[in-house]
């Protein structure tokens, strides 16, 4: 697995990362044994860019990763996030905080849960509409000065917000949903990242697993899987998107790869500043995703993909109404 420059500040990471959220929450029941196997296997095959957050679990995903980090810290490029606040008595209730005080407190708590001395990449998970981004990033910059964080990132921030943030302290990475089915960032946000030397980290590059081709019906989801209420999996959207996946599967068969690998190869083909972080909690899918780096798409391949799945073809928003209020601010 190649290691590439993530941003222009000196951070290097594997070109395919690992989203760890689903190991603790949102995608059905957790399986700690298999998750730990997956984390160990990731390092064996060179997938060293791991993504977590204090909100995953909540809190427990960082604790899970600490069980690997205690012995293999130097092998991992560790990214975590703060800024989404969950009610401990009702985790489904969410708020946002980017205040300097909350930033400092959150970082120290994450370091303790992770069992490490420094976070490689620290993201603001969502922009707090009630706190100027300059104040939040100023507090994050203080963490760099304190030696608690090496590099800074933002998640789901607009081009304007990126510019304001980068003027306070260099931003190394922007994490935003990006896939064949989520391409709104192509117009302004990705060009701004490239202008400013900011690496781009696509999360959900398989559109919550839809692009894997393995989802056939709502019965494939556990009762507590959040995709049961995700717009793209609802009503007639589900069937329309399933029909799109069938066309992608046909192209994947022609390339002798899986639909997941084709979708990931498409993301990687958008530039060497792309660091997709497909999430999984199973060794099988980790290995499959990592192998996507071996697939090279020709101009003709890219044109064929564009023809069957052009921008805007997907049915349904990527989040519900409330979730969409806090992206691309």
Protein backbone atom coordinates (compact mmCIF):
# COMPACT_ATOMS: atom_id res chain seq x y z
CA UNK A 1 0.00 0.00 0.00
CA UNK A 2 1.45 3.33 -1.08
CA UNK A 3 1.89 6.12 1.44
CA UNK A 4 1.10 9.52 -0.01
CA UNK A 5 1.28 13.11 1.20
CA UNK A 6 -1.97 14.06 2.90
CA UNK A 7 -1.99 17.82 2.51
CA UNK A 8 1.19 19.85 2.28
CA UNK A 9 2.21 20.08 5.94
CA UNK A 10 4.21 16.84 6.15
CA UNK A 11 1.58 14.23 6.97
CA UNK A 12 1.81 10.92 5.08
CA UNK A 13 -0.81 8.16 5.13
CA UNK A 14 -1.94 5.06 3.26
CA UNK A 15 -3.89 5.95 0.12
CA UNK A 16 -6.80 3.87 1.39
CA UNK A 17 -7.73 4.33 5.03
CA UNK A 18 -10.07 2.60 7.44
CA UNK A 19 -13.23 4.13 8.84
CA UNK A 20 -13.75 2.63 12.29
CA UNK A 21 -17.18 4.01 13.20
CA UNK A 22 -19.13 0.87 12.36
CA UNK A 23 -17.04 -1.20 14.73
CA UNK A 24 -18.91 0.37 17.62
CA UNK A 25 -22.25 1.71 16.39
CA UNK A 26 -24.73 2.55 13.63
CA UNK A 27 -24.30 -0.59 11.46
CA UNK A 28 -25.82 -3.33 13.56
CA UNK A 29 -24.29 -5.24 16.45
CA UNK A 30 -20.64 -4.77 17.36
CA UNK A 31 -18.19 -7.68 17.28
CA UNK A 32 -15.09 -6.67 19.20
CA UNK A 33 -13.13 -9.81 18.39
CA UNK A 34 -13.60 -9.41 14.64
CA UNK A 35 -12.98 -5.67 14.85
CA UNK A 36 -9.65 -6.21 16.59
CA UNK A 37 -8.72 -8.81 13.97
CA UNK A 38 -9.58 -6.28 11.29
CA UNK A 39 -7.43 -3.59 12.89
CA UNK A 40 -4.43 -5.89 13.17
CA UNK A 41 -4.90 -7.08 9.60
CA UNK A 42 -5.10 -3.49 8.39
CA UNK A 43 -1.59 -2.83 9.61
CA UNK A 44 -0.34 -6.09 8.10
CA UNK A 45 -1.47 -4.98 4.62
CA UNK A 46 -0.40 -1.36 5.03
CA UNK A 47 -3.72 0.35 5.77
CA UNK A 48 -2.38 2.65 8.49
CA UNK A 49 -4.73 5.66 8.21
CA UNK A 50 -7.46 5.08 10.81
CA UNK A 51 -10.45 7.32 11.39
CA UNK A 52 -12.46 7.55 14.59
CA UNK A 53 -14.29 10.17 16.66
CA UNK A 54 -15.34 10.80 20.24
CA UNK A 55 -18.95 10.65 19.06
CA UNK A 56 -18.72 7.05 17.83
CA UNK A 57 -20.16 4.80 20.50
CA UNK A 58 -20.28 7.43 21.92
CA UNK A 59 -16.71 7.35 23.27
CA UNK A 60 -16.27 3.58 22.96
CA UNK A 61 -14.72 3.51 19.48
CA UNK A 62 -11.64 5.34 20.73
CA UNK A 63 -11.38 2.86 23.61
CA UNK A 64 -11.53 -0.01 21.12
CA UNK A 65 -8.66 1.42 19.09
CA UNK A 66 -6.61 1.91 22.24
CA UNK A 67 -6.32 -1.88 22.54
CA UNK A 68 -4.27 -1.90 19.33
CA UNK A 69 -2.49 1.40 19.84
CA UNK A 70 -0.95 0.36 23.14
CA UNK A 71 1.38 -2.01 21.26
CA UNK A 72 1.41 -0.61 17.71
CA UNK A 73 1.10 3.15 18.08
CA UNK A 74 4.01 3.99 15.79
CA UNK A 75 2.42 2.06 12.92
CA UNK A 76 -0.82 4.06 12.88
CA UNK A 77 -1.71 7.47 11.46
CA UNK A 78 -4.55 8.19 13.86
CA UNK A 79 -7.32 10.67 13.12
CA UNK A 80 -10.08 11.52 15.55
CA UNK A 81 -12.67 14.26 15.79
CA UNK A 82 -14.60 16.49 18.16
CA UNK A 83 -17.46 18.94 17.86
CA UNK A 84 -20.61 16.78 17.84
CA UNK A 85 -22.13 16.63 21.32
CA UNK A 86 -24.40 13.74 22.32
CA UNK A 87 -26.69 13.68 25.32
CA UNK A 88 -25.39 10.88 27.61
CA UNK A 89 -28.97 10.13 28.65
CA UNK A 90 -30.25 10.07 25.07
CA UNK A 91 -27.46 9.48 22.52
CA UNK A 92 -29.81 10.14 19.60
CA UNK A 93 -29.93 13.81 20.63
CA UNK A 94 -27.08 15.80 19.12
CA UNK A 95 -25.70 19.29 19.41
CA UNK A 96 -22.56 21.05 18.27
CA UNK A 97 -19.74 22.85 20.03
CA UNK A 98 -16.60 24.42 18.64
CA UNK A 99 -15.81 26.62 21.62
CA UNK A 100 -12.15 26.82 22.68
CA UNK A 101 -13.01 25.34 26.06
CA UNK A 102 -14.79 22.36 24.54
CA UNK A 103 -11.97 21.83 22.06
CA UNK A 104 -9.35 21.61 24.80
CA UNK A 105 -11.48 19.38 27.00
CA UNK A 106 -12.39 17.06 24.12
CA UNK A 107 -8.80 16.61 22.99
CA UNK A 108 -7.58 15.72 26.47
CA UNK A 109 -10.44 13.23 26.90
CA UNK A 110 -9.70 11.59 23.52
CA UNK A 111 -6.01 11.26 24.34
CA UNK A 112 -6.92 9.53 27.58
CA UNK A 113 -9.37 7.11 25.94
CA UNK A 114 -6.95 6.33 23.12
CA UNK A 115 -4.07 5.86 25.55
CA UNK A 116 -1.72 8.01 23.46
CA UNK A 117 0.28 11.22 23.90
CA UNK A 118 -0.46 12.91 20.58
CA UNK A 119 -3.17 12.75 17.91
CA UNK A 120 -1.83 12.72 14.35
CA UNK A 121 -4.82 14.44 12.73
CA UNK A 122 -7.49 16.24 14.76
CA UNK A 123 -10.71 17.21 13.00
CA UNK A 124 -13.53 19.53 13.84
CA UNK A 125 -16.35 17.07 13.16
CA UNK A 126 -18.97 19.69 12.29
CA UNK A 127 -18.73 23.46 12.16
CA UNK A 128 -20.44 25.06 15.15
CA UNK A 129 -22.75 27.78 13.77
CA UNK A 130 -22.55 29.66 17.08
CA UNK A 131 -18.75 29.85 17.28
CA UNK A 132 -16.63 31.68 14.70
CA UNK A 133 -14.44 29.18 12.88
CA UNK A 134 -11.43 31.40 13.62
CA UNK A 135 -11.96 30.83 17.36
CA UNK A 136 -12.30 27.07 16.99
CA UNK A 137 -9.25 26.70 14.77
CA UNK A 138 -7.30 29.04 17.05
CA UNK A 139 -7.98 26.64 19.91
CA UNK A 140 -7.02 23.68 17.74
CA UNK A 141 -3.78 25.47 16.83
CA UNK A 142 -3.07 25.81 20.56
CA UNK A 143 -3.26 22.02 20.80
CA UNK A 144 -0.52 21.79 18.15
CA UNK A 145 1.61 24.19 20.20
CA UNK A 146 0.99 22.06 23.29
CA UNK A 147 2.23 18.97 21.42
CA UNK A 148 -1.12 17.17 21.79
CA UNK A 149 -1.98 17.28 18.07
CA UNK A 150 0.24 17.15 14.98
CA UNK A 151 -2.07 18.26 12.14
CA UNK A 152 -5.50 19.85 11.84
CA UNK A 153 -8.53 18.98 9.76
CA UNK A 154 -12.16 19.96 9.23
CA UNK A 155 -15.17 17.84 8.30
CA UNK A 156 -18.11 18.93 6.13
CA UNK A 157 -16.94 22.53 5.82
CA UNK A 158 -17.65 24.91 2.95
CA UNK A 159 -14.99 26.49 0.76
CA UNK A 160 -15.48 29.80 2.55
CA UNK A 161 -15.03 28.17 5.95
CA UNK A 162 -11.93 26.38 4.71
CA UNK A 163 -10.36 29.67 3.66
CA UNK A 164 -11.10 31.31 7.00
CA UNK A 165 -9.75 28.32 8.92
CA UNK A 166 -6.61 27.98 6.83
CA UNK A 167 -5.80 31.65 7.41
CA UNK A 168 -5.58 30.93 11.16
CA UNK A 169 -3.56 27.71 10.94
CA UNK A 170 -2.70 25.42 7.99
CA UNK A 171 -5.39 22.80 7.48
CA UNK A 172 -4.03 19.44 6.32
CA UNK A 173 -7.25 17.62 5.48
CA UNK A 174 -10.92 18.10 4.75
CA UNK A 175 -13.15 15.10 5.39
CA UNK A 176 -16.46 15.09 3.52
CA UNK A 177 -18.75 12.47 2.04
CA UNK A 178 -17.71 11.76 -1.54
CA UNK A 179 -18.54 8.88 -3.83
CA UNK A 180 -20.10 8.14 -7.18
CA UNK A 181 -23.37 9.13 -5.54
CA UNK A 182 -22.26 12.16 -3.50
CA UNK A 183 -20.47 14.60 -5.78
CA UNK A 184 -21.59 18.09 -4.76
CA UNK A 185 -18.05 18.87 -3.51
CA UNK A 186 -16.66 18.75 -7.05
CA UNK A 187 -17.76 22.25 -8.01
CA UNK A 188 -16.12 24.38 -5.33
CA UNK A 189 -14.82 22.47 -2.34
CA UNK A 190 -12.31 20.10 -3.98
CA UNK A 191 -10.86 22.93 -6.14
CA UNK A 192 -10.46 25.05 -3.00
CA UNK A 193 -8.68 22.19 -1.22
CA UNK A 194 -6.28 21.90 -4.14
CA UNK A 195 -5.67 25.63 -4.25
CA UNK A 196 -4.84 25.67 -0.52
CA UNK A 197 -2.85 22.42 -0.47
CA UNK A 198 -5.41 20.58 1.66
CA UNK A 199 -5.79 16.81 1.27
CA UNK A 200 -9.28 15.42 0.69
CA UNK A 201 -10.59 12.50 2.77
CA UNK A 202 -13.80 11.02 1.31
CA UNK A 203 -15.90 9.25 3.89
CA UNK A 204 -18.70 6.87 2.88
CA UNK A 205 -17.00 6.29 -0.50
CA UNK A 206 -19.30 3.28 -0.92
CA UNK A 207 -22.42 5.32 -0.11
CA UNK A 208 -23.11 3.57 3.20
CA UNK A 209 -22.40 0.21 1.59
CA UNK A 210 -25.02 0.59 -1.16
CA UNK A 211 -22.31 0.56 -3.84
CA UNK A 212 -21.01 -2.78 -2.58
CA UNK A 213 -23.79 -4.51 -4.50
CA UNK A 214 -24.53 -6.75 -1.54
CA UNK A 215 -27.62 -4.93 -0.25
CA UNK A 216 -30.80 -6.42 -1.69
CA UNK A 217 -33.56 -5.36 0.69
CA UNK A 218 -34.21 -3.68 4.02
CA UNK A 219 -34.12 -7.16 5.55
CA UNK A 220 -30.34 -7.07 5.10
CA UNK A 221 -30.13 -4.53 7.93
CA UNK A 222 -30.16 -5.23 11.65
CA UNK A 223 -33.00 -3.55 13.58
CA UNK A 224 -30.58 -0.95 14.98
CA UNK A 225 -28.87 -0.17 11.64
CA UNK A 226 -29.28 3.55 10.97
CA UNK A 227 -29.64 2.93 7.23
CA UNK A 228 -33.23 1.92 7.95
CA UNK A 229 -34.00 5.65 8.28
CA UNK A 230 -31.50 6.97 5.71
CA UNK A 231 -33.26 8.69 2.75
CA UNK A 232 -31.44 6.76 0.03
CA UNK A 233 -32.70 3.49 1.50
CA UNK A 234 -36.32 4.61 1.79
CA UNK A 235 -39.36 3.84 -0.34
CA UNK A 236 -38.96 4.16 -4.10
CA UNK A 237 -35.45 5.62 -3.62
CA UNK A 238 -34.29 2.17 -2.58
CA UNK A 239 -35.37 0.47 -5.79
CA UNK A 240 -34.13 3.26 -8.05
CA UNK A 241 -30.71 3.14 -6.42
CA UNK A 242 -30.69 -0.65 -6.52
CA UNK A 243 -31.21 -0.45 -10.28
CA UNK A 244 -28.19 1.84 -10.55
CA UNK A 245 -26.07 -0.59 -8.57
CA UNK A 246 -26.95 -3.37 -11.01
CA UNK A 247 -25.42 -1.33 -13.83
CA UNK A 248 -22.29 -0.71 -11.75
CA UNK A 249 -22.06 -4.44 -11.03
CA UNK A 250 -22.08 -5.13 -14.76
CA UNK A 251 -19.11 -2.80 -15.30
CA UNK A 252 -17.30 -4.32 -12.33
CA UNK A 253 -17.70 -7.79 -13.81
CA UNK A 254 -16.09 -6.56 -17.02
CA UNK A 255 -13.11 -5.31 -14.97
CA UNK A 256 -12.95 -8.57 -12.96
CA UNK A 257 -13.49 -6.74 -9.70
CA UNK A 258 -16.26 -6.20 -7.18
CA UNK A 259 -18.62 -3.18 -7.30
CA UNK A 260 -16.96 -1.89 -4.13
CA UNK A 261 -13.55 -2.02 -5.75
CA UNK A 262 -14.79 -0.25 -8.85
CA UNK A 263 -16.39 2.51 -6.77
CA UNK A 264 -13.23 2.97 -4.69
CA UNK A 265 -11.02 2.93 -7.78
CA UNK A 266 -13.21 5.68 -9.22
CA UNK A 267 -12.66 7.83 -6.13
CA UNK A 268 -8.90 7.22 -6.18
CA UNK A 269 -8.81 8.06 -9.89
CA UNK A 270 -9.94 11.59 -9.09
CA UNK A 271 -6.42 12.43 -7.89
CA UNK A 272 -3.55 11.48 -5.59
CA UNK A 273 -4.92 13.95 -3.04
CA UNK A 274 -7.85 11.56 -2.44
CA UNK A 275 -7.64 9.40 0.71
CA UNK A 276 -10.92 7.43 0.91
CA UNK A 277 -11.71 5.82 4.25
CA UNK A 278 -14.21 3.02 3.59
CA UNK A 279 -15.55 1.72 6.86
CA UNK A 280 -15.74 -1.93 7.80
CA UNK A 281 -15.57 -4.18 10.83
CA UNK A 282 -14.66 -7.34 8.93
CA UNK A 283 -11.32 -8.60 7.58
CA UNK A 284 -12.96 -9.80 4.35
CA UNK A 285 -14.13 -6.34 3.31
CA UNK A 286 -10.96 -4.63 4.54
CA UNK A 287 -8.89 -6.79 2.20
CA UNK A 288 -11.33 -6.29 -0.66
CA UNK A 289 -11.27 -2.51 -0.23
CA UNK A 290 -7.48 -2.35 0.01
CA UNK A 291 -7.14 -4.35 -3.22
CA UNK A 292 -8.97 -1.58 -5.08
CA UNK A 293 -5.65 0.26 -5.34
CA UNK A 294 -4.55 -2.38 -7.86
CA UNK A 295 -7.36 -1.48 -10.26
CA UNK A 296 -6.47 1.08 -12.89
CA UNK A 297 -9.31 2.80 -14.72
CA UNK A 298 -8.75 3.98 -18.27
CA UNK A 299 -10.30 7.08 -19.80
CA UNK A 300 -12.81 4.75 -21.42
CA UNK A 301 -13.60 3.09 -18.08
CA UNK A 302 -14.22 6.45 -16.44
CA UNK A 303 -16.45 7.53 -19.30
CA UNK A 304 -18.48 4.32 -19.02
CA UNK A 305 -18.93 4.86 -15.29
CA UNK A 306 -19.98 8.46 -15.88
CA UNK A 307 -22.50 7.39 -18.46
CA UNK A 308 -24.37 5.01 -16.16
CA UNK A 309 -23.96 7.03 -12.97
CA UNK A 310 -23.60 10.73 -13.77
CA UNK A 311 -23.60 13.38 -11.08
CA UNK A 312 -27.04 13.78 -9.52
CA UNK A 313 -28.36 10.38 -10.65
CA UNK A 314 -28.80 8.98 -7.12
CA UNK A 315 -32.24 9.18 -5.52
CA UNK A 316 -32.53 10.75 -2.06
CA UNK A 317 -30.41 12.99 0.13
CA UNK A 318 -27.40 11.54 1.93
CA UNK A 319 -28.80 12.56 5.34
CA UNK A 320 -32.24 13.32 6.70
CA UNK A 321 -33.46 16.89 7.01
CA UNK A 322 -31.75 17.59 10.33
CA UNK A 323 -28.44 16.05 9.27
CA UNK A 324 -28.33 18.08 6.07
CA UNK A 325 -28.56 21.31 8.07
CA UNK A 326 -25.05 20.72 9.40
CA UNK A 327 -23.11 19.83 6.26
CA UNK A 328 -21.30 22.12 3.85
CA UNK A 329 -21.86 25.16 6.04
